[in-house]
Structure formats: structure tokens, C-alpha cells
Amino acid sequence: MAANGKNLVAMEGGKTELDGSAKGPRARAPPGSIVNDQVIGAGEPEPLGLCGYVLVLLAYVMAIATFPISLCFCIKVVQEYERAVIFRLGQLVPGGAKGPGIFFSLPCTDTYRKVDLRTVSFDVPPQEILSKDSVTVAVDAVVYYRVQNATISVTNVENAQRSTRLLAATTLRNVLGTKTLGEILTERENISHQMQTALDDATDAWGVKVERVEVKDVRLPVQLQRAMAAEAEATREARAKVIAAEGEKNASRALKEASEVISESPAALQLRYLQTLNAISAEKNSTIIFPLPVDLLRGILTPAYGPSGAVHMNVGQNPGSQAGTPPGV
């Protein structure tokens, strides 16, 4: 980008200023630098040379001599989501990638490559990973990326898509190797963000922008799944027993308070009888229960039992003897 008539070159350790009027090391860009969407080598781009200029001139003459037939070979079209990187006699044409729309290409001297700028997604194959706590798990993920600089993606790396796929698989193993099994299962969002940052930094030199990374599935060994299920079941059973004990404790307190209230009013016990009978009849049972208050039996039991409930017998009479039988017989 331009700043005060100077070009700034993005470098790994910072930024270097390029001044076209300066001389010496300040006027040259380090190898692999990008200035105005052009790749700079050890110095400024070398000219085509006499032979190169002659070949280009002959290509123009041939295109003009065969006009309008040459238009079929010289006019190219790229879509809205594509860019064309043109090389003339092996050197990158100034001006960067062309498109979208129509661009001119000389026959015999120019070659070009189309680069798709749309977002691409791919599945990272399942990776066997040894976690930090020595547990083997198989993890797969999905990565979304796009080419943000067509020129760099063609000139700096042989195959940007294949390189991104391989780097994603390696990054997945490296990141998950520093996590425990519990962190892998519970901190997927943090792991995805960490992978995205690492991939984005590594692929920036290839003109690739990693937009999103998601961990899809974590597969555990069968024995470990059984052990975790048994542990979870034991934990749930222990929690259920504690809850049941607390419920019994609270129920006993409530029953104690209810008994104190019922003891203050005898009619409350009769109402409780009716409620119980209503609950039993709602279940359509064949058994019929008639609650009989104890107060109704007092008049019947009074002749045989005393106030204290003891049976009255004559002194010296055998309880099991018949009438008219002498005592002791």
C-alpha cells in the first residue's frame, strides 16, 4: 500500500519502506515480498531482454495480422468470483490479477491461471490423537477458507488448497495433543478458535484466509465409553439416594406437624378417612373399604371391657369353663 509516496512491504518481522527514488538496499525488497499485488524477488523485476521484446512484438504483429480471428484467442473472460493471474514469458504481468470480466492475453507468450475466490470447505480426516492425559481419541473437523490474494496463492505455493488441507490435519493433532480428554470434550469452541488462529497465521503467506474451523466429532474407545458410563451411572445413583433421604426427612417432619394438627380436632381424622376413600375409589378397584370410627364401638365394647380395656371375670372362675361347671374342674 502507498503511504507518502512510499510502498510498504509486509514482512515477517515488521514493515520495510520502498522508495523508488532511493538507491541501495532501501530501494530493494527482500525476496518473497509483495508490492502492489506483485511478487518481488531478490531485486526489482528483471526486464524481458531483447529476445523477449522481439517475441512479444511478433505476438502483437500476429494478432493484428489475423484480426478478427485472433480475438477468439486473445480475449478471455473470468467470472465475478474468479481472478486470472497472467504470466508473460514466465514473468508476472504488472498490475496483478485480472478480472472479473474481459482481459487481453497474447497468444504463444502469455499463460494464465484462474483462481476461485469463493469460500471452500473440506473435512479433515479423522486423526488418532494422544491427549495430554494419555488417552487415545479420534477427532475430525471441518475447515472453511477462501483465497484472498490470487497472485500470492499462485506464486508463493504450488497448490494452495492441498497445502491448506495438510496443514489443517497437522494443526489439529498439534493443538489437541496439548489438551486433556475433559478439555477436548468441553472446550470445543476454544479449540476451534485456537486452530483458526494458527491456520490463519500460517496460510497468510499463501494468500489464504481461514474463516472458520469446527471440531465435528470426538470418538472414544469402547472400553473408555463403558467406564465413563459406569462412572456417570454411579454418580447419578449416589445423587438419587441423597435426594431420596432428604425427601424422607422432610416428609417425616411434615407428617409430625400433620399429626399434631389432627390431634387437636377429632373431626379432621374423619375428613382424612373420606379423602383416602375418595383416592381409592378413583383407581376403579374391586376392593371397597368402609372406615369405621372407633367411637361407634365403645357402646358395644363397654359391657365386656372396662374403662381400661380389661375383661371383667368372676374371681376364681376359669375363663374357659362352661356354665354350671364347678370351679377347678
Protein backbone atom coordinates (compact mmCIF):
# COMPACT_ATOMS: atom_id res chain seq x y z
CA MET A 1 0.00 0.00 0.00
CA ALA A 2 1.10 3.58 -0.62
CA ALA A 3 1.96 5.99 2.17
CA ASN A 4 3.55 9.41 1.41
CA GLY A 5 4.82 8.25 -1.98
CA LYS A 6 6.44 5.15 -0.49
CA ASN A 7 5.44 1.49 -0.78
CA LEU A 8 5.19 -0.53 2.43
CA VAL A 9 6.13 -4.19 2.17
CA ALA A 10 4.66 -6.65 4.68
CA MET A 11 7.48 -8.61 6.24
CA GLU A 12 7.60 -11.34 8.84
CA GLY A 13 9.46 -9.14 11.32
CA GLY A 14 7.73 -5.86 10.52
CA LYS A 15 7.41 -3.45 7.56
CA THR A 16 10.05 -2.20 5.11
CA GLU A 17 9.69 1.03 3.17
CA LEU A 18 10.42 1.07 -0.54
CA ASP A 19 11.19 4.38 -2.15
CA GLY A 20 11.50 4.38 -5.92
CA SER A 21 13.84 7.38 -5.84
CA ALA A 22 16.19 5.88 -3.28
CA LYS A 23 19.23 3.83 -4.09
CA GLY A 24 20.93 0.94 -2.40
CA PRO A 25 19.31 -1.58 -0.05
CA ARG A 26 16.39 0.80 0.70
CA ALA A 27 15.24 0.63 -2.94
CA ARG A 28 15.11 -3.18 -3.00
CA ALA A 29 12.53 -5.51 -1.45
CA PRO A 30 13.53 -8.75 0.26
CA PRO A 31 12.79 -11.98 -1.62
CA GLY A 32 9.16 -13.10 -1.44
CA SER A 33 7.79 -9.63 -0.66
CA ILE A 34 4.55 -8.38 -2.21
CA VAL A 35 4.28 -4.83 -3.50
CA ASN A 36 1.10 -3.67 -5.25
CA ASP A 37 -0.03 -7.29 -5.69
CA GLN A 38 3.28 -8.17 -7.38
CA VAL A 39 5.89 -10.64 -6.19
CA ILE A 40 9.34 -9.13 -5.80
CA GLY A 41 12.34 -11.39 -6.00
CA ALA A 42 15.89 -10.66 -4.94
CA GLY A 43 15.52 -7.18 -6.51
CA GLU A 44 13.35 -5.35 -8.98
CA PRO A 45 11.73 -7.46 -11.75
CA GLU A 46 14.22 -8.13 -14.49
CA PRO A 47 13.31 -6.87 -17.99
CA LEU A 48 12.34 -9.33 -20.70
CA GLY A 49 15.52 -8.72 -22.61
CA LEU A 50 15.97 -8.23 -26.32
CA CYS A 51 14.72 -11.71 -27.22
CA GLY A 52 11.71 -11.31 -25.00
CA TYR A 53 10.74 -7.97 -26.50
CA VAL A 54 11.11 -9.42 -30.00
CA LEU A 55 8.82 -12.34 -29.17
CA VAL A 56 6.21 -10.03 -27.67
CA LEU A 57 6.39 -7.78 -30.75
CA LEU A 58 5.92 -10.77 -33.03
CA ALA A 59 2.92 -11.88 -30.97
CA TYR A 60 1.33 -8.44 -31.38
CA VAL A 61 2.04 -8.49 -35.13
CA MET A 62 0.50 -11.95 -35.45
CA ALA A 63 -2.60 -10.86 -33.51
CA ILE A 64 -3.04 -7.79 -35.72
CA ALA A 65 -2.41 -9.74 -38.95
CA THR A 66 -5.01 -12.37 -38.09
CA PHE A 67 -7.61 -9.91 -36.86
CA PRO A 68 -10.51 -10.57 -36.20
CA ILE A 69 -9.79 -14.31 -35.93
CA SER A 70 -7.19 -13.61 -33.24
CA LEU A 71 -9.87 -12.20 -30.97
CA CYS A 72 -11.02 -15.74 -30.27
CA PHE A 73 -7.55 -16.49 -28.85
CA CYS A 74 -6.70 -13.13 -27.26
CA ILE A 75 -9.92 -12.19 -25.45
CA LYS A 76 -10.53 -14.12 -22.25
CA VAL A 77 -13.35 -13.90 -19.70
CA VAL A 78 -13.34 -14.63 -15.97
CA GLN A 79 -16.38 -14.81 -13.72
CA GLU A 80 -17.26 -12.44 -10.88
CA TYR A 81 -15.86 -14.87 -8.30
CA GLU A 82 -12.63 -15.57 -10.25
CA ARG A 83 -9.33 -13.83 -10.92
CA ALA A 84 -6.76 -14.51 -13.65
CA VAL A 85 -3.02 -14.41 -12.89
CA ILE A 86 -1.16 -13.77 -16.16
CA PHE A 87 2.47 -14.73 -16.88
CA ARG A 88 4.27 -13.31 -19.92
CA LEU A 89 7.30 -15.35 -20.91
CA GLY A 90 7.34 -16.77 -17.37
CA GLN A 91 7.20 -13.39 -15.61
CA LEU A 92 4.23 -12.00 -13.75
CA VAL A 93 2.47 -9.29 -15.74
CA PRO A 94 2.43 -5.93 -13.88
CA GLY A 95 -0.94 -4.94 -12.48
CA GLY A 96 -1.70 -8.08 -10.55
CA ALA A 97 -4.60 -10.43 -11.15
CA LYS A 98 -7.15 -9.56 -13.82
CA GLY A 99 -10.90 -9.72 -13.57
CA PRO A 100 -13.72 -10.01 -13.24
CA GLY A 101 -14.79 -9.57 -16.86
CA ILE A 102 -12.73 -9.44 -20.07
CA PHE A 103 -8.94 -9.30 -20.28
CA PHE A 104 -6.40 -9.48 -23.11
CA SER A 105 -3.88 -12.31 -23.44
CA LEU A 106 -1.25 -12.58 -26.17
CA PRO A 107 -1.10 -15.95 -27.89
CA CYS A 108 2.10 -18.01 -27.60
CA THR A 109 3.69 -15.68 -25.00
CA ASP A 110 1.06 -15.35 -22.25
CA THR A 111 -0.25 -18.03 -19.94
CA TYR A 112 -2.74 -17.54 -17.14
CA ARG A 113 -4.29 -19.38 -14.21
CA LYS A 114 -7.79 -18.85 -12.90
CA VAL A 115 -8.20 -18.66 -9.13
CA ASP A 116 -11.56 -19.17 -7.43
CA LEU A 117 -12.19 -16.65 -4.62
CA ARG A 118 -15.26 -18.36 -3.17
CA THR A 119 -15.27 -19.95 0.27
CA VAL A 120 -14.26 -23.62 0.18
CA SER A 121 -14.99 -26.17 2.89
CA PHE A 122 -13.35 -29.55 3.43
CA ASP A 123 -13.38 -32.28 6.05
CA VAL A 124 -10.21 -33.01 7.95
CA PRO A 125 -9.81 -36.83 8.03
CA PRO A 126 -10.15 -38.43 11.50
CA GLN A 127 -6.87 -38.06 13.35
CA GLU A 128 -5.69 -40.52 16.02
CA ILE A 129 -4.54 -38.22 18.81
CA LEU A 130 -2.90 -38.97 22.15
CA SER A 131 -4.24 -36.42 24.61
CA LYS A 132 -2.27 -34.83 27.43
CA ASP A 133 -3.59 -37.39 29.93
CA SER A 134 -2.54 -40.33 27.66
CA VAL A 135 -5.97 -41.14 26.20
CA THR A 136 -6.22 -42.11 22.52
CA VAL A 137 -9.12 -40.42 20.71
CA ALA A 138 -10.12 -39.99 17.06
CA VAL A 139 -11.09 -36.42 16.16
CA ASP A 140 -12.22 -34.93 12.85
CA ALA A 141 -13.02 -31.33 11.92
CA VAL A 142 -14.26 -29.11 9.10
CA VAL A 143 -12.41 -26.05 7.78
CA TYR A 144 -13.79 -23.09 5.81
CA TYR A 145 -11.30 -20.94 3.87
CA ARG A 146 -11.04 -18.71 0.82
CA VAL A 147 -8.30 -17.20 -1.35
CA GLN A 148 -7.95 -13.51 -0.55
CA ASN A 149 -4.96 -12.77 -2.82
CA ALA A 150 -4.92 -14.64 -6.12
CA THR A 151 -1.40 -13.59 -7.08
CA ILE A 152 0.22 -14.82 -3.88
CA SER A 153 -1.74 -18.10 -3.92
CA VAL A 154 -0.25 -18.87 -7.35
CA THR A 155 3.32 -17.60 -6.98
CA ASN A 156 4.13 -18.43 -3.34
CA VAL A 157 2.81 -22.01 -3.11
CA GLU A 158 2.46 -24.80 -5.64
CA ASN A 159 -1.03 -25.90 -4.57
CA ALA A 160 -2.72 -23.67 -2.00
CA GLN A 161 -5.70 -25.96 -1.44
CA ARG A 162 -3.66 -29.12 -0.88
CA SER A 163 -1.22 -27.29 1.38
CA THR A 164 -4.08 -25.89 3.48
CA ARG A 165 -5.61 -29.35 3.88
CA LEU A 166 -2.34 -30.91 5.03
CA LEU A 167 -1.64 -28.03 7.40
CA ALA A 168 -5.15 -28.33 8.89
CA ALA A 169 -4.61 -32.00 9.73
CA THR A 170 -1.23 -31.26 11.32
CA THR A 171 -2.59 -28.31 13.30
CA LEU A 172 -5.47 -30.44 14.61
CA ARG A 173 -3.05 -33.00 16.01
CA ASN A 174 -0.73 -30.37 17.48
CA VAL A 175 -3.50 -28.41 19.21
CA LEU A 176 -5.37 -31.39 20.65
CA GLY A 177 -2.14 -33.01 21.81
CA THR A 178 -1.81 -30.28 24.44
CA LYS A 179 -5.35 -30.81 25.81
CA THR A 180 -6.72 -33.34 28.27
CA LEU A 181 -9.72 -35.51 27.46
CA GLY A 182 -12.01 -33.36 29.58
CA GLU A 183 -10.87 -30.19 27.81
CA ILE A 184 -11.38 -31.80 24.38
CA LEU A 185 -14.96 -32.75 25.27
CA THR A 186 -15.98 -29.49 26.98
CA GLU A 187 -13.90 -26.73 25.32
CA ARG A 188 -14.59 -27.30 21.63
CA GLU A 189 -15.23 -23.63 20.95
CA ASN A 190 -11.87 -22.57 22.39
CA ILE A 191 -10.09 -25.34 20.49
CA SER A 192 -11.75 -24.28 17.22
CA HIS A 193 -10.74 -20.65 17.77
CA GLN A 194 -7.16 -21.67 18.57
CA MET A 195 -6.97 -23.80 15.42
CA GLN A 196 -8.40 -21.00 13.28
CA THR A 197 -5.82 -18.52 14.59
CA ALA A 198 -2.93 -20.91 13.99
CA LEU A 199 -4.08 -21.80 10.46
CA ASP A 200 -4.79 -18.20 9.52
CA ASP A 201 -1.31 -17.08 10.59
CA ALA A 202 0.36 -19.95 8.70
CA THR A 203 -1.61 -19.54 5.45
CA ASP A 204 -1.38 -15.75 5.30
CA ALA A 205 1.82 -16.04 3.24
CA TRP A 206 -0.11 -18.20 0.74
CA GLY A 207 -2.89 -15.64 0.22
CA VAL A 208 -5.42 -17.87 2.00
CA LYS A 209 -7.85 -16.66 4.68
CA VAL A 210 -9.18 -19.30 7.11
CA GLU A 211 -12.65 -18.15 8.09
CA ARG A 212 -13.87 -20.89 10.41
CA VAL A 213 -12.82 -24.18 11.99
CA GLU A 214 -15.22 -26.56 13.73
CA VAL A 215 -14.49 -29.80 15.60
CA LYS A 216 -17.09 -32.28 14.33
CA ASP A 217 -16.79 -35.49 16.35
CA VAL A 218 -14.68 -36.97 19.12
CA ARG A 219 -14.72 -40.78 19.12
CA LEU A 220 -13.57 -42.57 22.26
CA PRO A 221 -12.53 -46.23 22.65
CA VAL A 222 -15.36 -48.62 23.58
CA GLN A 223 -13.80 -49.59 26.91
CA LEU A 224 -13.40 -45.94 27.86
CA GLN A 225 -17.03 -45.26 26.93
CA ARG A 226 -18.18 -48.09 29.20
CA ALA A 227 -16.02 -46.86 32.07
CA MET A 228 -17.33 -43.30 31.71
CA ALA A 229 -20.92 -44.58 31.53
CA ALA A 230 -20.45 -46.65 34.70
CA GLU A 231 -18.94 -43.66 36.48
CA ALA A 232 -21.81 -41.40 35.42
CA GLU A 233 -24.39 -44.01 36.48
CA ALA A 234 -22.78 -44.40 39.91
CA THR A 235 -22.75 -40.63 40.35
CA ARG A 236 -26.43 -40.40 39.43
CA GLU A 237 -27.36 -43.22 41.82
CA ALA A 238 -25.49 -41.57 44.68
CA ARG A 239 -27.20 -38.26 43.96
CA ALA A 240 -30.60 -40.00 43.81
CA LYS A 241 -30.06 -41.63 47.19
CA VAL A 242 -29.14 -38.31 48.76
CA ILE A 243 -32.24 -36.68 47.29
CA ALA A 244 -34.45 -39.56 48.49
CA ALA A 245 -33.02 -39.31 52.02
CA GLU A 246 -33.65 -35.58 52.11
CA GLY A 247 -37.21 -36.20 50.90
CA GLU A 248 -37.85 -38.75 53.65
CA LYS A 249 -36.51 -36.32 56.20
CA ASN A 250 -38.77 -33.53 55.00
CA ALA A 251 -41.76 -35.92 54.76
CA SER A 252 -41.29 -37.08 58.35
CA ARG A 253 -41.29 -33.50 59.55
CA ALA A 254 -44.46 -32.78 57.60
CA LEU A 255 -46.17 -35.91 58.99
CA LYS A 256 -45.25 -34.86 62.52
CA GLU A 257 -46.81 -31.45 62.01
CA ALA A 258 -49.91 -33.03 60.41
CA SER A 259 -50.39 -35.40 63.34
CA GLU A 260 -50.22 -32.50 65.76
CA VAL A 261 -52.91 -30.64 63.79
CA ILE A 262 -55.19 -33.72 63.56
CA SER A 263 -54.87 -34.44 67.26
CA GLU A 264 -56.31 -31.01 68.04
CA SER A 265 -59.55 -31.72 66.07
CA PRO A 266 -61.16 -35.21 66.05
CA ALA A 267 -63.24 -34.28 63.01
CA ALA A 268 -60.07 -33.80 60.96
CA LEU A 269 -59.39 -37.55 61.18
CA GLN A 270 -62.83 -38.29 59.72
CA LEU A 271 -62.13 -35.92 56.82
CA ARG A 272 -58.86 -37.72 56.25
CA TYR A 273 -60.76 -41.02 56.09
CA LEU A 274 -63.06 -39.61 53.42
CA GLN A 275 -60.13 -38.32 51.39
CA THR A 276 -58.47 -41.73 51.49
CA LEU A 277 -61.72 -43.43 50.42
CA ASN A 278 -62.05 -40.97 47.53
CA ALA A 279 -58.48 -41.67 46.38
CA ILE A 280 -59.06 -45.45 46.48
CA SER A 281 -62.34 -45.26 44.56
CA ALA A 282 -60.73 -43.19 41.80
CA GLU A 283 -58.49 -46.11 40.85
CA LYS A 284 -61.50 -48.38 39.98
CA ASN A 285 -60.51 -51.10 42.43
CA SER A 286 -62.85 -54.00 43.31
CA THR A 287 -61.94 -53.70 46.97
CA ILE A 288 -64.28 -51.49 48.97
CA ILE A 289 -63.11 -50.10 52.29
CA PHE A 290 -65.52 -48.66 54.84
CA PRO A 291 -63.76 -46.74 57.58
CA LEU A 292 -65.44 -47.44 60.93
CA PRO A 293 -64.74 -44.91 63.65
CA VAL A 294 -63.65 -46.33 66.99
CA ASP A 295 -66.20 -44.15 68.80
CA LEU A 296 -69.07 -46.27 67.45
CA LEU A 297 -67.58 -49.43 69.01
CA ARG A 298 -67.33 -48.02 72.50
CA GLY A 299 -71.01 -48.73 73.27
CA ILE A 300 -70.65 -52.36 72.17
CA LEU A 301 -67.34 -53.00 73.92
CA THR A 302 -68.31 -51.31 77.23
CA PRO A 303 -70.10 -54.37 78.89
CA ALA A 304 -67.19 -56.75 78.19
CA TYR A 305 -64.35 -54.32 78.69
CA GLY A 306 -63.80 -51.88 81.40
CA PRO A 307 -62.73 -48.36 81.06
CA SER A 308 -59.17 -49.54 80.92
CA GLY A 309 -59.93 -52.21 78.28
CA ALA A 310 -59.51 -55.21 80.68
CA VAL A 311 -62.03 -58.11 80.61
CA HIS A 312 -64.25 -58.46 83.75
CA MET A 313 -64.26 -62.03 85.20
CA ASN A 314 -65.54 -63.51 88.47
CA VAL A 315 -62.87 -64.32 90.99
CA GLY A 316 -61.93 -68.00 90.89
CA GLN A 317 -63.86 -68.65 87.66
CA ASN A 318 -61.99 -70.28 84.81
CA PRO A 319 -62.42 -68.22 81.67
CA GLY A 320 -62.63 -71.36 79.56
CA SER A 321 -65.11 -73.30 81.84
CA GLN A 322 -68.74 -73.88 80.76
CA ALA A 323 -71.77 -72.71 82.70
CA GLY A 324 -72.60 -74.96 85.72
CA THR A 325 -69.12 -76.49 85.86
CA PRO A 326 -67.62 -76.31 89.34
CA PRO A 327 -64.57 -74.19 89.77
CA GLY A 328 -61.29 -76.03 89.29
CA VAL A 329 -62.84 -78.86 87.27
